[in-house]
Amino acid sequence: MKATEGLAKAKTPSQLSSRSREVERHQKRAAGHEKKTADLEKQIAKKKKTLTSSQASLDRASRDQQKKDDREADKRRKAEIDHIKRLEQERRAVTTFPEQLVARPVPVDAPPSSSAKFSDTYDVCLSFAGEQRDYVERIASELKQAGLDVFYDQDEDIAPNLWGRDLGEYLDYIYRQGSRFCLMFISADYAEKAWTTHERRSALARVVDEGGDYLLPARFDDTELPGLRPTTGYVDLREVAPHTLVDFVLKKLEKRD
């Protein structure tokens, strides 16, 4: 700007020539600065592009690593489950049970109106909610295969006998008198059902009358039941395999014999 002003003030040809050269120098210098600025902007844009690309590559690598870690974790979990299954199979292979356990009537002092009506006896009666029927049916089948007399309401030998009977009285007899043990499958569903409440009250009445370990709780969850003390020992079905539960019942009966 000063060079331009000086050019305007030049009065002689020599002054005009000198001022013109000075203006040209400043213009060249300005052009050089503009070129450097343009170059710097290009470099910055290139750096930003490289940084964006690097971040995208890092994100992809992170996702790939996470997928790899997830696959490895799934493999480890599967290997652990397979290992537990093998141990369970090996344990069952070396465990011996009596060929057959014969059901015997349980001596109880029952009112004539109840004992006179029913005489069926079972080694184990099963009390459960319908939502867990698939699991319980498996347990019932394995207990029967071990030679036990099992009260399971959908058993092909039991279901016809329930037809036409007063189920309130009959189930009270089964769960209070007619079985050597009551295997109770506790869950949130179990606590809400009317018939399971009926069965539970009958079983607890037997415990109050006789004490002992007649009632065998097996838990699907931590639901609390009225009348069942939290200090009562139970089997946690979230940690114990079905085969192991069956083994526990068999050992209970062996000790009772």
Protein backbone atom coordinates (compact mmCIF):
# COMPACT_ATOMS: atom_id res chain seq x y z
CA MET A 1 0.00 0.00 0.00
CA LYS A 2 2.82 2.39 0.87
CA ALA A 3 4.55 1.50 -2.38
CA THR A 4 1.36 2.32 -4.30
CA GLU A 5 1.05 5.64 -2.47
CA GLY A 6 4.69 6.44 -3.26
CA LEU A 7 4.05 5.65 -6.91
CA ALA A 8 1.24 8.19 -6.95
CA LYS A 9 3.52 10.86 -5.43
CA ALA A 10 6.39 10.30 -7.90
CA LYS A 11 7.16 13.50 -9.83
CA THR A 12 10.17 12.61 -11.93
CA PRO A 13 10.72 9.66 -14.33
CA SER A 14 13.41 8.22 -12.07
CA GLN A 15 11.13 8.37 -9.06
CA LEU A 16 8.33 6.79 -11.05
CA SER A 17 10.60 3.96 -12.24
CA SER A 18 11.89 3.33 -8.69
CA ARG A 19 8.40 3.29 -7.25
CA SER A 20 7.18 0.94 -9.97
CA ARG A 21 9.95 -1.58 -9.21
CA GLU A 22 9.11 -1.38 -5.52
CA VAL A 23 5.43 -2.10 -6.27
CA GLU A 24 6.42 -5.09 -8.41
CA ARG A 25 8.59 -6.47 -5.61
CA HIS A 26 5.72 -6.19 -3.11
CA GLN A 27 3.32 -7.78 -5.57
CA LYS A 28 5.70 -10.70 -6.11
CA ARG A 29 6.16 -11.06 -2.37
CA ALA A 30 2.35 -11.02 -1.84
CA ALA A 31 1.92 -13.59 -4.60
CA GLY A 32 4.52 -15.76 -2.87
CA HIS A 33 2.66 -15.52 0.42
CA GLU A 34 -0.60 -16.42 -1.27
CA LYS A 35 1.03 -19.45 -2.87
CA LYS A 36 2.46 -20.56 0.50
CA THR A 37 -0.97 -20.08 2.10
CA ALA A 38 -2.61 -22.16 -0.63
CA ASP A 39 0.06 -24.86 -0.21
CA LEU A 40 -0.49 -24.91 3.55
CA GLU A 41 -4.24 -25.21 3.10
CA LYS A 42 -3.71 -28.13 0.74
CA GLN A 43 -1.40 -29.80 3.27
CA ILE A 44 -3.92 -29.25 6.05
CA ALA A 45 -6.72 -30.72 3.92
CA LYS A 46 -4.48 -33.68 3.08
CA LYS A 47 -3.65 -34.20 6.78
CA LYS A 48 -7.34 -34.07 7.68
CA LYS A 49 -8.14 -36.63 5.00
CA THR A 50 -5.32 -38.87 6.24
CA LEU A 51 -6.53 -38.47 9.85
CA THR A 52 -10.11 -39.33 8.85
CA SER A 53 -8.90 -42.38 6.95
CA SER A 54 -6.73 -43.46 9.89
CA GLN A 55 -9.65 -43.07 12.31
CA ALA A 56 -11.88 -45.14 10.01
CA SER A 57 -9.18 -47.83 9.83
CA LEU A 58 -8.83 -47.77 13.62
CA ASP A 59 -12.61 -48.12 14.03
CA ARG A 60 -12.68 -51.08 11.63
CA ALA A 61 -9.76 -52.71 13.42
CA SER A 62 -11.52 -52.17 16.76
CA ARG A 63 -14.75 -53.74 15.47
CA ASP A 64 -12.86 -56.67 13.97
CA GLN A 65 -11.01 -57.22 17.26
CA GLN A 66 -14.29 -57.09 19.20
CA LYS A 67 -15.82 -59.68 16.89
CA LYS A 68 -12.75 -61.85 17.31
CA ASP A 69 -12.91 -61.49 21.11
CA ASP A 70 -16.63 -62.36 21.06
CA ARG A 71 -15.95 -65.47 18.98
CA GLU A 72 -13.19 -66.55 21.35
CA ALA A 73 -15.46 -65.96 24.35
CA ASP A 74 -18.22 -68.04 22.72
CA LYS A 75 -15.72 -70.83 22.06
CA ARG A 76 -14.57 -70.76 25.68
CA ARG A 77 -18.17 -70.84 26.98
CA LYS A 78 -19.00 -73.75 24.69
CA ALA A 79 -15.86 -75.59 25.77
CA GLU A 80 -16.77 -75.04 29.44
CA ILE A 81 -20.32 -76.32 28.87
CA ASP A 82 -19.02 -79.36 26.98
CA HIS A 83 -16.55 -79.99 29.81
CA ILE A 84 -19.32 -79.86 32.42
CA LYS A 85 -21.44 -82.25 30.32
CA ARG A 86 -18.54 -84.69 30.02
CA LEU A 87 -17.91 -84.55 33.77
CA GLU A 88 -21.60 -85.16 34.40
CA GLN A 89 -21.61 -88.13 32.03
CA GLU A 90 -18.46 -89.56 33.61
CA ARG A 91 -19.87 -89.07 37.10
CA ARG A 92 -23.11 -90.83 36.17
CA ALA A 93 -21.19 -93.66 34.53
CA VAL A 94 -19.44 -94.53 37.79
CA THR A 95 -22.40 -93.87 40.12
CA THR A 96 -24.38 -96.91 41.17
CA PHE A 97 -27.96 -96.89 42.33
CA PRO A 98 -30.23 -99.62 43.63
CA GLU A 99 -32.01 -101.39 40.79
CA GLN A 100 -35.39 -100.51 42.24
CA LEU A 101 -36.70 -98.66 45.26
CA VAL A 102 -40.07 -99.94 46.37
CA ALA A 103 -42.63 -97.42 47.58
CA ARG A 104 -43.93 -98.02 51.09
CA PRO A 105 -46.91 -96.42 52.78
CA VAL A 106 -46.02 -93.57 55.08
CA PRO A 107 -47.51 -94.13 58.53
CA VAL A 108 -49.39 -91.03 59.59
CA ASP A 109 -52.23 -90.33 61.96
CA ALA A 110 -54.86 -89.11 59.54
CA PRO A 111 -58.55 -88.50 60.18
CA PRO A 112 -60.73 -91.48 59.19
CA SER A 113 -62.51 -89.36 56.58
CA SER A 114 -59.23 -88.96 54.68
CA SER A 115 -57.35 -92.21 55.21
CA ALA A 116 -60.38 -94.35 54.51
CA LYS A 117 -60.91 -92.81 51.07
CA PHE A 118 -57.42 -93.15 49.61
CA SER A 119 -54.68 -95.74 49.79
CA ASP A 120 -52.32 -94.76 46.95
CA THR A 121 -48.70 -94.31 48.00
CA TYR A 122 -45.72 -92.83 46.20
CA ASP A 123 -42.02 -92.44 46.76
CA VAL A 124 -42.08 -88.85 45.53
CA CYS A 125 -44.83 -86.38 44.67
CA LEU A 126 -43.95 -83.48 42.40
CA SER A 127 -45.37 -80.01 43.00
CA PHE A 128 -44.76 -77.45 40.24
CA ALA A 129 -46.24 -74.72 38.06
CA GLY A 130 -47.35 -75.52 34.52
CA GLU A 131 -44.78 -73.11 33.07
CA GLN A 132 -42.02 -75.51 34.18
CA ARG A 133 -43.79 -78.70 33.03
CA ASP A 134 -41.22 -79.61 30.35
CA TYR A 135 -38.40 -79.62 32.90
CA VAL A 136 -40.43 -81.46 35.56
CA GLU A 137 -41.63 -84.08 33.09
CA ARG A 138 -37.99 -84.93 32.37
CA ILE A 139 -37.32 -85.34 36.10
CA ALA A 140 -40.43 -87.49 36.53
CA SER A 141 -39.36 -89.73 33.64
CA GLU A 142 -35.87 -90.26 35.04
CA LEU A 143 -37.18 -90.97 38.54
CA LYS A 144 -39.55 -93.58 37.13
CA GLN A 145 -36.72 -95.12 35.12
CA ALA A 146 -34.81 -95.48 38.40
CA GLY A 147 -37.69 -97.57 39.74
CA LEU A 148 -39.55 -95.01 41.84
CA ASP A 149 -43.29 -94.57 42.16
CA VAL A 150 -43.76 -90.94 41.24
CA PHE A 151 -46.88 -88.80 41.52
CA TYR A 152 -46.84 -86.66 38.37
CA ASP A 153 -50.30 -85.49 37.35
CA GLN A 154 -49.83 -86.10 33.60
CA ASP A 155 -48.41 -89.59 33.97
CA GLU A 156 -50.33 -92.03 31.80
CA ASP A 157 -51.05 -94.23 34.84
CA ILE A 158 -52.09 -91.37 37.13
CA ALA A 159 -54.07 -89.00 34.94
CA PRO A 160 -56.99 -91.46 34.46
CA ASN A 161 -57.20 -91.99 38.25
CA LEU A 162 -57.75 -88.27 38.78
CA TRP A 163 -60.80 -88.32 36.54
CA GLY A 164 -63.96 -87.73 38.57
CA ARG A 165 -62.22 -87.50 41.93
CA ASP A 166 -62.49 -84.60 44.34
CA LEU A 167 -59.06 -83.18 43.55
CA GLY A 168 -59.03 -80.92 46.61
CA GLU A 169 -59.27 -83.91 48.98
CA TYR A 170 -57.18 -86.27 46.89
CA LEU A 171 -54.28 -83.87 46.37
CA ASP A 172 -54.34 -82.98 50.05
CA TYR A 173 -53.92 -86.70 50.78
CA ILE A 174 -51.09 -87.09 48.22
CA TYR A 175 -49.09 -84.06 49.40
CA ARG A 176 -49.78 -84.50 53.11
CA GLN A 177 -49.90 -88.26 53.59
CA GLY A 178 -49.46 -90.44 50.54
CA SER A 179 -45.81 -89.75 49.65
CA ARG A 180 -42.46 -90.33 51.26
CA PHE A 181 -41.04 -87.06 49.91
CA CYS A 182 -42.47 -83.97 48.25
CA LEU A 183 -40.21 -82.47 45.57
CA MET A 184 -41.31 -78.83 45.25
CA PHE A 185 -40.18 -76.81 42.21
CA ILE A 186 -40.22 -73.17 43.35
CA SER A 187 -40.60 -70.26 40.93
CA ALA A 188 -42.45 -66.97 40.60
CA ASP A 189 -45.12 -68.85 38.62
CA TYR A 190 -45.42 -71.44 41.38
CA ALA A 191 -46.13 -68.77 44.00
CA GLU A 192 -49.07 -67.37 41.99
CA LYS A 193 -51.03 -70.57 41.23
CA ALA A 194 -54.07 -71.65 43.24
CA TRP A 195 -53.42 -75.39 42.96
CA THR A 196 -49.73 -75.13 43.81
CA THR A 197 -50.73 -73.10 46.87
CA HIS A 198 -53.08 -75.95 47.86
CA GLU A 199 -50.28 -78.51 47.41
CA ARG A 200 -47.78 -76.36 49.30
CA ARG A 201 -50.09 -75.93 52.29
CA SER A 202 -50.71 -79.68 52.50
CA ALA A 203 -46.97 -80.43 52.31
CA LEU A 204 -46.16 -77.81 54.94
CA ALA A 205 -48.84 -79.27 57.23
CA ARG A 206 -46.98 -82.60 57.05
CA VAL A 207 -43.73 -80.83 57.96
CA VAL A 208 -45.40 -79.12 60.93
CA ASP A 209 -46.86 -82.42 62.13
CA GLU A 210 -43.77 -84.59 61.66
CA GLY A 211 -40.77 -82.32 61.11
CA GLY A 212 -37.88 -83.91 59.25
CA ASP A 213 -36.92 -83.50 55.60
CA TYR A 214 -40.17 -84.51 53.88
CA LEU A 215 -40.24 -81.31 51.82
CA LEU A 216 -37.44 -81.04 49.22
CA PRO A 217 -37.33 -77.53 47.69
CA ALA A 218 -35.73 -77.08 44.26
CA ARG A 219 -35.50 -73.48 43.09
CA PHE A 220 -35.76 -72.01 39.60
CA ASP A 221 -35.41 -68.54 41.17
CA ASP A 222 -35.34 -66.78 44.57
CA THR A 223 -39.10 -66.45 45.05
CA GLU A 224 -40.13 -66.62 48.72
CA LEU A 225 -43.07 -68.85 49.67
CA PRO A 226 -45.29 -68.29 52.71
CA GLY A 227 -44.61 -70.91 55.34
CA LEU A 228 -41.30 -72.09 53.87
CA ARG A 229 -38.46 -70.89 56.04
CA PRO A 230 -35.48 -69.30 54.28
CA THR A 231 -33.21 -71.55 56.35
CA THR A 232 -34.60 -74.69 54.69
CA GLY A 233 -31.94 -76.32 52.53
CA TYR A 234 -32.72 -76.32 48.82
CA VAL A 235 -31.26 -77.26 45.43
CA ASP A 236 -30.55 -74.37 43.06
CA LEU A 237 -31.65 -75.53 39.60
CA ARG A 238 -29.64 -72.69 38.03
CA GLU A 239 -26.49 -74.47 39.16
CA VAL A 240 -27.44 -78.15 39.43
CA ALA A 241 -28.02 -80.33 36.37
CA PRO A 242 -31.28 -82.34 36.09
CA HIS A 243 -29.38 -85.63 36.36
CA THR A 244 -27.82 -84.45 39.61
CA LEU A 245 -31.23 -83.54 41.04
CA VAL A 246 -32.46 -87.04 40.27
CA ASP A 247 -29.39 -88.49 41.98
CA PHE A 248 -30.07 -86.38 45.09
CA VAL A 249 -33.63 -87.72 45.32
CA LEU A 250 -32.42 -91.30 44.97
CA LYS A 251 -29.87 -90.81 47.74
CA LYS A 252 -32.55 -89.32 50.00
CA LEU A 253 -34.65 -92.45 49.53
CA GLU A 254 -31.64 -94.70 50.13
CA LYS A 255 -31.04 -93.00 53.49
CA ARG A 256 -34.72 -93.21 54.40
CA ASP A 257 -34.68 -96.95 53.62
